Amino acid sequence: MNIKIQNLEGKDGICVSKNLLDSAQIKADEEVQVTIQNGRIIVESAAKAIKRIKLRELVSKMPKDYKPMELDWGKPVGKEVW
């Protein structure tokens, strides 16, 4: 689908059809996050964008001397099987 960039009240922008928004599961007046990746403009629901966390990024923040250890969480309180 080709869409022409237009001047909207002194700002350049695009008008997105309702069908396109429905396909992307984005509603009118919903907050979106806009990013640029490899020369592409990515528009996505802000609520959905927040949930996307990259494991590699989280692991890179761990201290280099981190060593996992076993913790005692106490006695089972339900139907846990140990």
PDB file of N, CA and C in Angstrom:
ATOM      1  N   MET A   1       0.846  -1.174   0.000  1.00  0.00           N
ATOM      2  CA  MET A   1       0.000   0.000   0.000  1.00  0.00           C
ATOM      3  C   MET A   1       0.889   1.234   0.000  1.00  0.00           C
ATOM      4  N   ASN A   2       0.662   2.119  -0.913  1.00  0.00           N
ATOM      5  CA  ASN A   2       1.403   3.379  -0.969  1.00  0.00           C
ATOM      6  C   ASN A   2       0.565   4.486  -0.354  1.00  0.00           C
ATOM      7  N   ILE A   3       1.203   5.274   0.489  1.00  0.00           N
ATOM      8  CA  ILE A   3       0.545   6.415   1.129  1.00  0.00           C
ATOM      9  C   ILE A   3       1.429   7.629   0.908  1.00  0.00           C
ATOM     10  N   LYS A   4       0.832   8.742   0.551  1.00  0.00           N
ATOM     11  CA  LYS A   4       1.577   9.962   0.278  1.00  0.00           C
ATOM     12  C   LYS A   4       1.789  10.754   1.575  1.00  0.00           C
ATOM     13  N   ILE A   5       3.008  11.240   1.797  1.00  0.00           N
ATOM     14  CA  ILE A   5       3.301  12.122   2.924  1.00  0.00           C
ATOM     15  C   ILE A   5       2.631  13.464   2.632  1.00  0.00           C
ATOM     16  N   GLN A   6       1.874  13.973   3.573  1.00  0.00           N
ATOM     17  CA  GLN A   6       1.127  15.209   3.383  1.00  0.00           C
ATOM     18  C   GLN A   6       1.509  16.223   4.445  1.00  0.00           C
ATOM     19  N   ASN A   7       1.267  17.498   4.138  1.00  0.00           N
ATOM     20  CA  ASN A   7       1.458  18.550   5.124  1.00  0.00           C
ATOM     21  C   ASN A   7       0.142  18.687   5.883  1.00  0.00           C
ATOM     22  N   LEU A   8       0.173  18.323   7.169  1.00  0.00           N
ATOM     23  CA  LEU A   8      -1.022  18.363   8.009  1.00  0.00           C
ATOM     24  C   LEU A   8      -0.845  19.445   9.075  1.00  0.00           C
ATOM     25  N   GLU A   9      -1.493  20.574   8.862  1.00  0.00           N
ATOM     26  CA  GLU A   9      -1.440  21.680   9.821  1.00  0.00           C
ATOM     27  C   GLU A   9      -0.006  22.076  10.149  1.00  0.00           C
ATOM     28  N   GLY A  10       0.812  22.216   9.124  1.00  0.00           N
ATOM     29  CA  GLY A  10       2.185  22.679   9.319  1.00  0.00           C
ATOM     30  C   GLY A  10       3.184  21.587   9.653  1.00  0.00           C
ATOM     31  N   LYS A  11       2.746  20.344   9.726  1.00  0.00           N
ATOM     32  CA  LYS A  11       3.642  19.217  10.007  1.00  0.00           C
ATOM     33  C   LYS A  11       3.468  18.176   8.925  1.00  0.00           C
ATOM     34  N   ASP A  12       4.553  17.520   8.568  1.00  0.00           N
ATOM     35  CA  ASP A  12       4.456  16.437   7.596  1.00  0.00           C
ATOM     36  C   ASP A  12       3.928  15.194   8.295  1.00  0.00           C
ATOM     37  N   GLY A  13       3.030  14.474   7.635  1.00  0.00           N
ATOM     38  CA  GLY A  13       2.460  13.288   8.257  1.00  0.00           C
ATOM     39  C   GLY A  13       1.769  12.407   7.238  1.00  0.00           C
ATOM     40  N   ILE A  14       1.199  11.334   7.738  1.00  0.00           N
ATOM     41  CA  ILE A  14       0.445  10.418   6.887  1.00  0.00           C
ATOM     42  C   ILE A  14      -0.911  10.169   7.528  1.00  0.00           C
ATOM     43  N   CYS A  15      -1.894   9.902   6.691  1.00  0.00           N
ATOM     44  CA  CYS A  15      -3.211   9.483   7.167  1.00  0.00           C
ATOM     45  C   CYS A  15      -3.269   7.972   6.994  1.00  0.00           C
ATOM     46  N   VAL A  16      -3.651   7.294   8.059  1.00  0.00           N
ATOM     47  CA  VAL A  16      -3.691   5.835   8.039  1.00  0.00           C
ATOM     48  C   VAL A  16      -5.146   5.392   8.008  1.00  0.00           C
ATOM     49  N   SER A  17      -5.468   4.486   7.099  1.00  0.00           N
ATOM     50  CA  SER A  17      -6.855   4.022   6.968  1.00  0.00           C
ATOM     51  C   SER A  17      -7.270   3.196   8.183  1.00  0.00           C
ATOM     52  N   LYS A  18      -8.567   3.159   8.439  1.00  0.00           N
ATOM     53  CA  LYS A  18      -9.098   2.376   9.555  1.00  0.00           C
ATOM     54  C   LYS A  18      -8.778   0.893   9.354  1.00  0.00           C
ATOM     55  N   ASN A  19      -8.853   0.425   8.103  1.00  0.00           N
ATOM     56  CA  ASN A  19      -8.542  -0.988   7.833  1.00  0.00           C
ATOM     57  C   ASN A  19      -7.109  -1.330   8.228  1.00  0.00           C
ATOM     58  N   LEU A  20      -6.177  -0.414   7.942  1.00  0.00           N
ATOM     59  CA  LEU A  20      -4.779  -0.643   8.286  1.00  0.00           C
ATOM     60  C   LEU A  20      -4.597  -0.647   9.808  1.00  0.00           C
ATOM     61  N   LEU A  21      -5.253   0.288  10.486  1.00  0.00           N
ATOM     62  CA  LEU A  21      -5.186   0.320  11.952  1.00  0.00           C
ATOM     63  C   LEU A  21      -5.785  -0.948  12.553  1.00  0.00           C
ATOM     64  N   ASP A  22      -6.922  -1.382  12.017  1.00  0.00           N
ATOM     65  CA  ASP A  22      -7.554  -2.611  12.514  1.00  0.00           C
ATOM     66  C   ASP A  22      -6.619  -3.812  12.338  1.00  0.00           C
ATOM     67  N   SER A  23      -5.954  -3.889  11.190  1.00  0.00           N
ATOM     68  CA  SER A  23      -5.021  -4.988  10.935  1.00  0.00           C
ATOM     69  C   SER A  23      -3.865  -4.988  11.930  1.00  0.00           C
ATOM     70  N   ALA A  24      -3.438  -3.783  12.342  1.00  0.00           N
ATOM     71  CA  ALA A  24      -2.336  -3.660  13.300  1.00  0.00           C
ATOM     72  C   ALA A  24      -2.839  -3.696  14.741  1.00  0.00           C
ATOM     73  N   GLN A  25      -4.140  -3.834  14.924  1.00  0.00           N
ATOM     74  CA  GLN A  25      -4.770  -3.855  16.245  1.00  0.00           C
ATOM     75  C   GLN A  25      -4.448  -2.586  17.032  1.00  0.00           C
ATOM     76  N   ILE A  26      -4.547  -1.445  16.341  1.00  0.00           N
ATOM     77  CA  ILE A  26      -4.348  -0.130  16.956  1.00  0.00           C
ATOM     78  C   ILE A  26      -5.630   0.657  16.740  1.00  0.00           C
ATOM     79  N   LYS A  27      -6.087   1.356  17.781  1.00  0.00           N
ATOM     80  CA  LYS A  27      -7.320   2.133  17.705  1.00  0.00           C
ATOM     81  C   LYS A  27      -7.001   3.620  17.595  1.00  0.00           C
ATOM     82  N   ALA A  28      -7.941   4.372  17.042  1.00  0.00           N
ATOM     83  CA  ALA A  28      -7.800   5.825  16.955  1.00  0.00           C
ATOM     84  C   ALA A  28      -7.638   6.389  18.367  1.00  0.00           C
ATOM     85  N   ASP A  29      -6.812   7.394  18.518  1.00  0.00           N
ATOM     86  CA  ASP A  29      -6.515   8.057  19.794  1.00  0.00           C
ATOM     87  C   ASP A  29      -5.680   7.202  20.750  1.00  0.00           C
ATOM     88  N   GLU A  30      -5.248   6.029  20.318  1.00  0.00           N
ATOM     89  CA  GLU A  30      -4.382   5.185  21.150  1.00  0.00           C
ATOM     90  C   GLU A  30      -2.951   5.710  21.048  1.00  0.00           C
ATOM     91  N   GLU A  31      -2.224   5.672  22.153  1.00  0.00           N
ATOM     92  CA  GLU A  31      -0.826   6.109  22.139  1.00  0.00           C
ATOM     93  C   GLU A  31       0.008   5.060  21.421  1.00  0.00           C
ATOM     94  N   VAL A  32       0.900   5.517  20.531  1.00  0.00           N
ATOM     95  CA  VAL A  32       1.775   4.613  19.796  1.00  0.00           C
ATOM     96  C   VAL A  32       3.227   4.986  20.035  1.00  0.00           C
ATOM     97  N   GLN A  33       4.099   4.034  19.829  1.00  0.00           N
ATOM     98  CA  GLN A  33       5.534   4.281  19.915  1.00  0.00           C
ATOM     99  C   GLN A  33       6.085   4.247  18.492  1.00  0.00           C
ATOM    100  N   VAL A  34       6.861   5.258  18.141  1.00  0.00           N
ATOM    101  CA  VAL A  34       7.439   5.346  16.807  1.00  0.00           C
ATOM    102  C   VAL A  34       8.954   5.210  16.930  1.00  0.00           C
ATOM    103  N   THR A  35       9.526   4.253  16.210  1.00  0.00           N
ATOM    104  CA  THR A  35      10.970   4.044  16.218  1.00  0.00           C
ATOM    105  C   THR A  35      11.457   3.914  14.780  1.00  0.00           C
ATOM    106  N   ILE A  36      12.751   4.044  14.610  1.00  0.00           N
ATOM    107  CA  ILE A  36      13.358   3.866  13.295  1.00  0.00           C
ATOM    108  C   ILE A  36      14.343   2.713  13.387  1.00  0.00           C
ATOM    109  N   GLN A  37      14.195   1.732  12.501  1.00  0.00           N
ATOM    110  CA  GLN A  37      15.081   0.577  12.462  1.00  0.00           C
ATOM    111  C   GLN A  37      15.463   0.314  11.015  1.00  0.00           C
ATOM    112  N   ASN A  38      16.740   0.370  10.729  1.00  0.00           N
ATOM    113  CA  ASN A  38      17.250   0.097   9.377  1.00  0.00           C
ATOM    114  C   ASN A  38      16.545   0.935   8.313  1.00  0.00           C
ATOM    115  N   GLY A  39      16.351   2.217   8.609  1.00  0.00           N
ATOM    116  CA  GLY A  39      15.735   3.116   7.644  1.00  0.00           C
ATOM    117  C   GLY A  39      14.231   2.975   7.514  1.00  0.00           C
ATOM    118  N   ARG A  40      13.598   2.211   8.394  1.00  0.00           N
ATOM    119  CA  ARG A  40      12.144   2.019   8.360  1.00  0.00           C
ATOM    120  C   ARG A  40      11.524   2.719   9.569  1.00  0.00           C
ATOM    121  N   ILE A  41      10.367   3.296   9.369  1.00  0.00           N
ATOM    122  CA  ILE A  41       9.623   3.911  10.462  1.00  0.00           C
ATOM    123  C   ILE A  41       8.661   2.851  10.986  1.00  0.00           C
ATOM    124  N   ILE A  42       8.799   2.501  12.251  1.00  0.00           N
ATOM    125  CA  ILE A  42       7.973   1.477  12.881  1.00  0.00           C
ATOM    126  C   ILE A  42       6.990   2.166  13.822  1.00  0.00           C
ATOM    127  N   VAL A  43       5.702   1.926  13.611  1.00  0.00           N
ATOM    128  CA  VAL A  43       4.653   2.474  14.476  1.00  0.00           C
ATOM    129  C   VAL A  43       3.970   1.289  15.127  1.00  0.00           C
ATOM    130  N   GLU A  44       3.964   1.258  16.469  1.00  0.00           N
ATOM    131  CA  GLU A  44       3.315   0.151  17.169  1.00  0.00           C
ATOM    132  C   GLU A  44       2.645   0.657  18.426  1.00  0.00           C
ATOM    133  N   SER A  45       1.688  -0.106  18.888  1.00  0.00           N
ATOM    134  CA  SER A  45       0.967   0.246  20.100  1.00  0.00           C
ATOM    135  C   SER A  45       1.965   0.417  21.240  1.00  0.00           C
ATOM    136  N   ALA A  46       1.868   1.515  21.973  1.00  0.00           N
ATOM    137  CA  ALA A  46       2.798   1.759  23.080  1.00  0.00           C
ATOM    138  C   ALA A  46       2.653   0.676  24.143  1.00  0.00           C
ATOM    139  N   ALA A  47       1.441   0.226  24.392  1.00  0.00           N
ATOM    140  CA  ALA A  47       1.218  -0.812  25.408  1.00  0.00           C
ATOM    141  C   ALA A  47       1.894  -2.117  25.007  1.00  0.00           C
ATOM    142  N   LYS A  48       1.838  -2.476  23.731  1.00  0.00           N
ATOM    143  CA  LYS A  48       2.465  -3.719  23.264  1.00  0.00           C
ATOM    144  C   LYS A  48       3.976  -3.573  23.174  1.00  0.00           C
ATOM    145  N   ALA A  49       4.455  -2.384  22.863  1.00  0.00           N
ATOM    146  CA  ALA A  49       5.897  -2.158  22.730  1.00  0.00           C
ATOM    147  C   ALA A  49       6.602  -2.293  24.065  1.00  0.00           C
ATOM    148  N   ILE A  50       5.963  -1.881  25.135  1.00  0.00           N
ATOM    149  CA  ILE A  50       6.567  -1.935  26.464  1.00  0.00           C
ATOM    150  C   ILE A  50       6.822  -3.377  26.884  1.00  0.00           C
ATOM    151  N   LYS A  51       5.943  -4.284  26.491  1.00  0.00           N
ATOM    152  CA  LYS A  51       6.052  -5.677  26.914  1.00  0.00           C
ATOM    153  C   LYS A  51       7.204  -6.419  26.250  1.00  0.00           C
ATOM    154  N   ARG A  52       7.711  -5.897  25.158  1.00  0.00           N
ATOM    155  CA  ARG A  52       8.773  -6.600  24.435  1.00  0.00           C
ATOM    156  C   ARG A  52      10.121  -6.304  25.090  1.00  0.00           C
ATOM    157  N   ILE A  53      10.690  -7.301  25.754  1.00  0.00           N
ATOM    158  CA  ILE A  53      11.975  -7.163  26.427  1.00  0.00           C
ATOM    159  C   ILE A  53      12.931  -8.174  25.814  1.00  0.00           C
ATOM    160  N   LYS A  54      14.128  -7.754  25.534  1.00  0.00           N
ATOM    161  CA  LYS A  54      15.107  -8.644  24.921  1.00  0.00           C
ATOM    162  C   LYS A  54      15.960  -9.294  26.005  1.00  0.00           C
ATOM    163  N   LEU A  55      15.961 -10.616  26.024  1.00  0.00           N
ATOM    164  CA  LEU A  55      16.706 -11.369  27.019  1.00  0.00           C
ATOM    165  C   LEU A  55      18.194 -11.039  26.967  1.00  0.00           C
ATOM    166  N   ARG A  56      18.745 -10.932  25.790  1.00  0.00           N
ATOM    167  CA  ARG A  56      20.175 -10.624  25.637  1.00  0.00           C
ATOM    168  C   ARG A  56      20.513  -9.295  26.327  1.00  0.00           C
ATOM    169  N   GLU A  57      19.616  -8.318  26.204  1.00  0.00           N
ATOM    170  CA  GLU A  57      19.828  -7.011  26.828  1.00  0.00           C
ATOM    171  C   GLU A  57      19.804  -7.123  28.357  1.00  0.00           C
ATOM    172  N   LEU A  58      18.849  -7.902  28.885  1.00  0.00           N
ATOM    173  CA  LEU A  58      18.777  -8.092  30.341  1.00  0.00           C
ATOM    174  C   LEU A  58      20.010  -8.808  30.875  1.00  0.00           C
ATOM    175  N   VAL A  59      20.437  -9.863  30.187  1.00  0.00           N
ATOM    176  CA  VAL A  59      21.599 -10.639  30.621  1.00  0.00           C
ATOM    177  C   VAL A  59      22.861  -9.784  30.585  1.00  0.00           C
ATOM    178  N   SER A  60      22.968  -8.892  29.616  1.00  0.00           N
ATOM    179  CA  SER A  60      24.162  -8.041  29.515  1.00  0.00           C
ATOM    180  C   SER A  60      24.292  -7.098  30.706  1.00  0.00           C
ATOM    181  N   LYS A  61      23.205  -6.865  31.437  1.00  0.00           N
ATOM    182  CA  LYS A  61      23.239  -5.975  32.604  1.00  0.00           C
ATOM    183  C   LYS A  61      23.614  -6.705  33.893  1.00  0.00           C
ATOM    184  N   MET A  62      23.735  -8.033  33.826  1.00  0.00           N
ATOM    185  CA  MET A  62      24.090  -8.799  35.019  1.00  0.00           C
ATOM    186  C   MET A  62      25.561  -8.580  35.357  1.00  0.00           C
ATOM    187  N   PRO A  63      25.902  -8.516  36.644  1.00  0.00           N
ATOM    188  CA  PRO A  63      27.315  -8.368  37.018  1.00  0.00           C
ATOM    189  C   PRO A  63      28.139  -9.540  36.499  1.00  0.00           C
ATOM    190  N   LYS A  64      29.374  -9.293  36.107  1.00  0.00           N
ATOM    191  CA  LYS A  64      30.245 -10.336  35.546  1.00  0.00           C
ATOM    192  C   LYS A  64      30.526 -11.438  36.565  1.00  0.00           C
ATOM    193  N   ASP A  65      30.541 -11.087  37.849  1.00  0.00           N
ATOM    194  CA  ASP A  65      30.858 -12.081  38.882  1.00  0.00           C
ATOM    195  C   ASP A  65      29.605 -12.757  39.451  1.00  0.00           C
ATOM    196  N   TYR A  66      28.462 -12.602  38.782  1.00  0.00           N
ATOM    197  CA  TYR A  66      27.220 -13.203  39.269  1.00  0.00           C
ATOM    198  C   TYR A  66      27.302 -14.722  39.233  1.00  0.00           C
ATOM    199  N   LYS A  67      26.913 -15.356  40.341  1.00  0.00           N
ATOM    200  CA  LYS A  67      26.867 -16.811  40.417  1.00  0.00           C
ATOM    201  C   LYS A  67      25.500 -17.201  40.973  1.00  0.00           C
ATOM    202  N   PRO A  68      24.728 -17.966  40.218  1.00  0.00           N
ATOM    203  CA  PRO A  68      23.410 -18.377  40.719  1.00  0.00           C
ATOM    204  C   PRO A  68      23.560 -19.282  41.932  1.00  0.00           C
ATOM    205  N   MET A  69      22.600 -19.195  42.836  1.00  0.00           N
ATOM    206  CA  MET A  69      22.633 -20.058  44.016  1.00  0.00           C
ATOM    207  C   MET A  69      21.217 -20.526  44.331  1.00  0.00           C
ATOM    208  N   GLU A  70      21.129 -21.608  45.055  1.00  0.00           N
ATOM    209  CA  GLU A  70      19.845 -22.157  45.435  1.00  0.00           C
ATOM    210  C   GLU A  70      19.350 -21.438  46.686  1.00  0.00           C
ATOM    211  N   LEU A  71      18.081 -21.073  46.683  1.00  0.00           N
ATOM    212  CA  LEU A  71      17.489 -20.389  47.832  1.00  0.00           C
ATOM    213  C   LEU A  71      16.443 -21.275  48.475  1.00  0.00           C
ATOM    214  N   ASP A  72      16.340 -21.215  49.789  1.00  0.00           N
ATOM    215  CA  ASP A  72      15.316 -21.953  50.513  1.00  0.00           C
ATOM    216  C   ASP A  72      14.083 -21.059  50.643  1.00  0.00           C
ATOM    217  N   TRP A  73      13.001 -21.464  50.005  1.00  0.00           N
ATOM    218  CA  TRP A  73      11.773 -20.679  50.029  1.00  0.00           C
ATOM    219  C   TRP A  73      10.836 -21.136  51.140  1.00  0.00           C
ATOM    220  N   GLY A  74      11.308 -22.030  51.994  1.00  0.00           N
ATOM    221  CA  GLY A  74      10.466 -22.513  53.098  1.00  0.00           C
ATOM    222  C   GLY A  74       9.708 -23.766  52.706  1.00  0.00           C
ATOM    223  N   LYS A  75       8.847 -24.175  53.619  1.00  0.00           N
ATOM    224  CA  LYS A  75       8.058 -25.394  53.395  1.00  0.00           C
ATOM    225  C   LYS A  75       6.971 -25.148  52.353  1.00  0.00           C
ATOM    226  N   PRO A  76       6.591 -26.209  51.609  1.00  0.00           N
ATOM    227  CA  PRO A  76       5.494 -26.077  50.653  1.00  0.00           C
ATOM    228  C   PRO A  76       4.216 -25.630  51.349  1.00  0.00           C
ATOM    229  N   VAL A  77       3.438 -24.795  50.690  1.00  0.00           N
ATOM    230  CA  VAL A  77       2.186 -24.313  51.274  1.00  0.00           C
ATOM    231  C   VAL A  77       0.980 -24.774  50.462  1.00  0.00           C
ATOM    232  N   GLY A  78       1.222 -25.411  49.367  1.00  0.00           N
ATOM    233  CA  GLY A  78       0.129 -25.892  48.515  1.00  0.00           C
ATOM    234  C   GLY A  78       0.402 -27.306  48.088  1.00  0.00           C
ATOM    235  N   LYS A  79       0.309 -27.545  46.796  1.00  0.00           N
ATOM    236  CA  LYS A  79       0.511 -28.893  46.270  1.00  0.00           C
ATOM    237  C   LYS A  79       1.827 -29.004  45.526  1.00  0.00           C
ATOM    238  N   GLU A  80       2.830 -28.191  45.940  1.00  0.00           N
ATOM    239  CA  GLU A  80       4.131 -28.255  45.306  1.00  0.00           C
ATOM    240  C   GLU A  80       4.773 -29.633  45.525  1.00  0.00           C
ATOM    241  N   VAL A  81       5.500 -30.091  44.541  1.00  0.00           N
ATOM    242  CA  VAL A  81       6.210 -31.360  44.655  1.00  0.00           C
ATOM    243  C   VAL A  81       7.692 -31.053  44.546  1.00  0.00           C
ATOM    244  N   TRP A  82       8.474 -31.476  45.529  1.00  0.00           N
ATOM    245  CA  TRP A  82       9.919 -31.194  45.539  1.00  0.00           C
ATOM    246  C   TRP A  82      10.694 -32.466  45.332  1.00  0.00           C
TER     247      TRP A  82
END
